[in-house]
Structures are given as C-alpha cells and as structure tokens.
C-alpha cells in the first residue's frame, strides 16, 4: 500500500487544450508499472476541451454539475452526475460544461508505451458548441 498525501496544486488547463477556465487536480499518475492516469477536471460554465483522441481510450465519470460530450459525427449528449462516458481508442471527441452550469468529471485513461495520453486537435467552434441541446429538458 502507498498513500500519497495531497501535495499537488490545482493546475489551470492549458489554452491549447481548452476553451474557457478549466482546472485540473491529479488523482493518479502513471508509474511503478501502472499506466493509469486519472484527473478530476473542473469546467466553468461554457468551458470545454478541444477535439482530441486518446491512444487507449478514455472514461469520464461525472461527479457534479451538467456537461456535454460528443464523438465526432455524433449527437451532442447532455451528461449529469453518475453518468459514465467511454471514448474508444482514437475516437475524436470533446467534453465540457454546459453553457450555464459548472461540471466536474474524473477522467481516467491508460497512457501509451511512451507515456502519451492524448493527441489534441482544433478547438470546438462556437457554432459547434451552440448546437448543444437544452439542458433543461435533458
């Protein structure tokens, strides 16, 4: 058993990867034979990721708020606390907060053999984001 006391400061999500204010708390880091990376990601209203892929896929687990998620070419889905979303390896996707609500999720993935966890693409356009369904009826 290994206990790591909380000593890592919250990091601001880089603007190359996110639109809006996003904050990241490390939960698990690869090392010692484990390839698991996990983070608690806090999105302010309207904040979201850029389009991206993960070499070994990604699971997000929503812990609070209301969010949105989309795989390229699919519908934008409203996600809420308790929802799990799996993105397949190489699936181009984005996720983030709804326009009017915060959203926090735990992001979990296995890094590749070189420690890589994501390939980042273009930022989601305002028109793409505006196509989201209303969170009131979802």
C-alpha atoms as a PDB file:
ATOM      1  CA  UNK A   1       0.000   0.000   0.000  1.00  0.00           C
ATOM      2  CA  UNK A   2       1.177   3.512  -0.794  1.00  0.00           C
ATOM      3  CA  UNK A   3      -0.536   6.671   0.404  1.00  0.00           C
ATOM      4  CA  UNK A   4       0.277   9.896  -1.383  1.00  0.00           C
ATOM      5  CA  UNK A   5      -0.707  12.904   0.670  1.00  0.00           C
ATOM      6  CA  UNK A   6      -2.333  15.698  -1.277  1.00  0.00           C
ATOM      7  CA  UNK A   7       0.538  17.969  -2.232  1.00  0.00           C
ATOM      8  CA  UNK A   8      -0.012  18.662  -5.899  1.00  0.00           C
ATOM      9  CA  UNK A   9      -1.540  22.049  -6.561  1.00  0.00           C
ATOM     10  CA  UNK A  10      -4.543  22.507  -8.807  1.00  0.00           C
ATOM     11  CA  UNK A  11      -3.362  23.267 -12.340  1.00  0.00           C
ATOM     12  CA  UNK A  12      -5.066  25.586 -14.807  1.00  0.00           C
ATOM     13  CA  UNK A  13      -5.949  23.757 -18.014  1.00  0.00           C
ATOM     14  CA  UNK A  14      -3.755  24.972 -20.897  1.00  0.00           C
ATOM     15  CA  UNK A  15      -5.438  27.164 -23.515  1.00  0.00           C
ATOM     16  CA  UNK A  16      -4.094  24.872 -26.251  1.00  0.00           C
ATOM     17  CA  UNK A  17      -6.364  22.116 -24.917  1.00  0.00           C
ATOM     18  CA  UNK A  18      -9.340  24.025 -23.503  1.00  0.00           C
ATOM     19  CA  UNK A  19     -11.726  26.886 -24.223  1.00  0.00           C
ATOM     20  CA  UNK A  20     -12.688  28.764 -21.061  1.00  0.00           C
ATOM     21  CA  UNK A  21     -11.494  28.282 -17.495  1.00  0.00           C
ATOM     22  CA  UNK A  22     -10.686  24.668 -16.615  1.00  0.00           C
ATOM     23  CA  UNK A  23      -8.876  23.399 -13.519  1.00  0.00           C
ATOM     24  CA  UNK A  24      -7.232  20.001 -13.092  1.00  0.00           C
ATOM     25  CA  UNK A  25      -6.444  18.038  -9.914  1.00  0.00           C
ATOM     26  CA  UNK A  26      -4.255  14.933 -10.291  1.00  0.00           C
ATOM     27  CA  UNK A  27      -5.814  11.744  -8.924  1.00  0.00           C
ATOM     28  CA  UNK A  28      -3.436   9.057 -10.258  1.00  0.00           C
ATOM     29  CA  UNK A  29      -0.226   9.307 -12.258  1.00  0.00           C
ATOM     30  CA  UNK A  30       1.455   6.569 -14.318  1.00  0.00           C
ATOM     31  CA  UNK A  31       4.469   4.970 -12.677  1.00  0.00           C
ATOM     32  CA  UNK A  32       5.751   1.886 -10.918  1.00  0.00           C
ATOM     33  CA  UNK A  33       4.323  -0.408 -13.588  1.00  0.00           C
ATOM     34  CA  UNK A  34       0.914   1.300 -13.732  1.00  0.00           C
ATOM     35  CA  UNK A  35      -0.188   3.105 -16.889  1.00  0.00           C
ATOM     36  CA  UNK A  36      -3.244   4.650 -15.210  1.00  0.00           C
ATOM     37  CA  UNK A  37      -3.713   8.402 -15.398  1.00  0.00           C
ATOM     38  CA  UNK A  38      -6.717   9.958 -13.648  1.00  0.00           C
ATOM     39  CA  UNK A  39      -7.650  13.578 -13.024  1.00  0.00           C
ATOM     40  CA  UNK A  40     -10.537  15.488 -11.539  1.00  0.00           C
ATOM     41  CA  UNK A  41     -11.330  18.126 -14.151  1.00  0.00           C
ATOM     42  CA  UNK A  42     -13.402  21.174 -13.186  1.00  0.00           C
ATOM     43  CA  UNK A  43     -15.071  23.108 -16.034  1.00  0.00           C
ATOM     44  CA  UNK A  44     -16.625  26.542 -15.519  1.00  0.00           C
ATOM     45  CA  UNK A  45     -19.849  27.261 -17.451  1.00  0.00           C
ATOM     46  CA  UNK A  46     -19.153  27.167 -21.186  1.00  0.00           C
ATOM     47  CA  UNK A  47     -15.646  25.713 -20.770  1.00  0.00           C
ATOM     48  CA  UNK A  48     -14.750  22.649 -22.824  1.00  0.00           C
ATOM     49  CA  UNK A  49     -11.951  20.636 -24.351  1.00  0.00           C
ATOM     50  CA  UNK A  50     -10.661  20.957 -27.884  1.00  0.00           C
ATOM     51  CA  UNK A  51     -11.277  17.996 -30.191  1.00  0.00           C
ATOM     52  CA  UNK A  52      -8.906  15.222 -29.145  1.00  0.00           C
ATOM     53  CA  UNK A  53      -8.232  11.477 -29.120  1.00  0.00           C
ATOM     54  CA  UNK A  54      -6.681   9.042 -26.646  1.00  0.00           C
ATOM     55  CA  UNK A  55      -4.464   6.147 -27.781  1.00  0.00           C
ATOM     56  CA  UNK A  56      -6.066   3.680 -25.342  1.00  0.00           C
ATOM     57  CA  UNK A  57      -9.471   5.320 -24.960  1.00  0.00           C
ATOM     58  CA  UNK A  58     -10.824   7.310 -22.030  1.00  0.00           C
ATOM     59  CA  UNK A  59     -13.600   7.007 -19.473  1.00  0.00           C
ATOM     60  CA  UNK A  60     -15.051  10.080 -17.797  1.00  0.00           C
ATOM     61  CA  UNK A  61     -17.277   9.881 -14.713  1.00  0.00           C
ATOM     62  CA  UNK A  62     -19.358  12.976 -13.984  1.00  0.00           C
ATOM     63  CA  UNK A  63     -19.311  13.901 -10.283  1.00  0.00           C
ATOM     64  CA  UNK A  64     -21.185  17.221 -10.289  1.00  0.00           C
ATOM     65  CA  UNK A  65     -22.922  19.740 -12.494  1.00  0.00           C
ATOM     66  CA  UNK A  66     -24.180  19.388 -16.044  1.00  0.00           C
ATOM     67  CA  UNK A  67     -21.939  18.739 -19.010  1.00  0.00           C
ATOM     68  CA  UNK A  68     -21.873  17.957 -22.685  1.00  0.00           C
ATOM     69  CA  UNK A  69     -19.973  15.319 -24.663  1.00  0.00           C
ATOM     70  CA  UNK A  70     -19.730  14.464 -28.345  1.00  0.00           C
ATOM     71  CA  UNK A  71     -17.907  11.998 -30.562  1.00  0.00           C
ATOM     72  CA  UNK A  72     -17.122  13.445 -33.986  1.00  0.00           C
ATOM     73  CA  UNK A  73     -20.118  12.998 -36.274  1.00  0.00           C
ATOM     74  CA  UNK A  74     -22.461  12.012 -33.435  1.00  0.00           C
ATOM     75  CA  UNK A  75     -25.008  13.957 -31.429  1.00  0.00           C
ATOM     76  CA  UNK A  76     -24.045  16.203 -28.522  1.00  0.00           C
ATOM     77  CA  UNK A  77     -25.167  14.426 -25.340  1.00  0.00           C
ATOM     78  CA  UNK A  78     -26.081  16.009 -22.004  1.00  0.00           C
ATOM     79  CA  UNK A  79     -24.228  14.323 -19.117  1.00  0.00           C
ATOM     80  CA  UNK A  80     -25.010  14.535 -15.389  1.00  0.00           C
ATOM     81  CA  UNK A  81     -23.625  13.228 -12.073  1.00  0.00           C
ATOM     82  CA  UNK A  82     -23.266   9.451 -12.110  1.00  0.00           C
ATOM     83  CA  UNK A  83     -23.029   9.240 -15.907  1.00  0.00           C
ATOM     84  CA  UNK A  84     -20.025   7.418 -17.377  1.00  0.00           C
ATOM     85  CA  UNK A  85     -18.840   8.110 -20.908  1.00  0.00           C
ATOM     86  CA  UNK A  86     -16.343   5.867 -22.698  1.00  0.00           C
ATOM     87  CA  UNK A  87     -14.476   7.187 -25.719  1.00  0.00           C
ATOM     88  CA  UNK A  88     -12.904   4.393 -27.787  1.00  0.00           C
ATOM     89  CA  UNK A  89      -9.196   4.417 -28.641  1.00  0.00           C
ATOM     90  CA  UNK A  90      -8.623   7.000 -31.385  1.00  0.00           C
ATOM     91  CA  UNK A  91     -12.200   8.361 -31.202  1.00  0.00           C
ATOM     92  CA  UNK A  92     -12.190  12.107 -31.910  1.00  0.00           C
ATOM     93  CA  UNK A  93     -14.307  13.806 -29.239  1.00  0.00           C
ATOM     94  CA  UNK A  94     -14.796  16.734 -26.864  1.00  0.00           C
ATOM     95  CA  UNK A  95     -16.467  17.237 -23.485  1.00  0.00           C
ATOM     96  CA  UNK A  96     -17.097  20.104 -21.109  1.00  0.00           C
ATOM     97  CA  UNK A  97     -19.602  22.128 -19.139  1.00  0.00           C
ATOM     98  CA  UNK A  98     -22.989  23.246 -20.353  1.00  0.00           C
ATOM     99  CA  UNK A  99     -23.326  26.976 -21.101  1.00  0.00           C
ATOM    100  CA  UNK A 100     -24.934  27.775 -17.739  1.00  0.00           C
ATOM    101  CA  UNK A 101     -23.611  25.154 -15.294  1.00  0.00           C
ATOM    102  CA  UNK A 102     -20.282  24.026 -13.856  1.00  0.00           C
ATOM    103  CA  UNK A 103     -19.292  20.398 -14.488  1.00  0.00           C
ATOM    104  CA  UNK A 104     -16.671  18.197 -12.849  1.00  0.00           C
ATOM    105  CA  UNK A 105     -15.644  14.757 -14.025  1.00  0.00           C
ATOM    106  CA  UNK A 106     -12.976  12.209 -13.228  1.00  0.00           C
ATOM    107  CA  UNK A 107     -11.023  11.457 -16.424  1.00  0.00           C
ATOM    108  CA  UNK A 108      -9.401   8.002 -16.481  1.00  0.00           C
ATOM    109  CA  UNK A 109      -7.138   6.501 -19.125  1.00  0.00           C
ATOM    110  CA  UNK A 110      -4.093   4.324 -19.749  1.00  0.00           C
ATOM    111  CA  UNK A 111      -1.117   6.106 -21.289  1.00  0.00           C
ATOM    112  CA  UNK A 112       0.635   4.570 -24.284  1.00  0.00           C
ATOM    113  CA  UNK A 113       4.085   2.943 -24.231  1.00  0.00           C
ATOM    114  CA  UNK A 114       5.769   6.361 -24.468  1.00  0.00           C
ATOM    115  CA  UNK A 115       3.631   7.939 -21.725  1.00  0.00           C
ATOM    116  CA  UNK A 116       1.372   9.773 -24.189  1.00  0.00           C
ATOM    117  CA  UNK A 117      -2.221  10.275 -23.147  1.00  0.00           C
ATOM    118  CA  UNK A 118      -3.847  12.439 -25.835  1.00  0.00           C
ATOM    119  CA  UNK A 119      -3.497  13.973 -29.265  1.00  0.00           C
ATOM    120  CA  UNK A 120      -5.046  17.427 -29.340  1.00  0.00           C
ATOM    121  CA  UNK A 121      -6.784  18.940 -32.360  1.00  0.00           C
ATOM    122  CA  UNK A 122      -8.732  22.056 -33.235  1.00  0.00           C
ATOM    123  CA  UNK A 123     -10.814  23.961 -30.738  1.00  0.00           C
ATOM    124  CA  UNK A 124     -14.533  23.368 -30.954  1.00  0.00           C
ATOM    125  CA  UNK A 125     -16.118  26.240 -32.876  1.00  0.00           C
ATOM    126  CA  UNK A 126     -18.738  28.432 -31.233  1.00  0.00           C
ATOM    127  CA  UNK A 127     -21.252  27.173 -33.816  1.00  0.00           C
ATOM    128  CA  UNK A 128     -20.466  23.536 -32.944  1.00  0.00           C
ATOM    129  CA  UNK A 129     -20.873  24.257 -29.229  1.00  0.00           C
ATOM    130  CA  UNK A 130     -24.089  26.259 -29.794  1.00  0.00           C
ATOM    131  CA  UNK A 131     -25.650  23.167 -31.420  1.00  0.00           C
ATOM    132  CA  UNK A 132     -25.919  21.506 -27.977  1.00  0.00           C
ATOM    133  CA  UNK A 133     -29.398  20.539 -26.817  1.00  0.00           C
ATOM    134  CA  UNK A 134     -31.022  22.466 -23.994  1.00  0.00           C
ATOM    135  CA  UNK A 135     -30.026  21.094 -20.613  1.00  0.00           C
ATOM    136  CA  UNK A 136     -33.471  21.901 -19.189  1.00  0.00           C
ATOM    137  CA  UNK A 137     -35.263  19.040 -20.933  1.00  0.00           C
ATOM    138  CA  UNK A 138     -32.431  16.530 -20.884  1.00  0.00           C
END
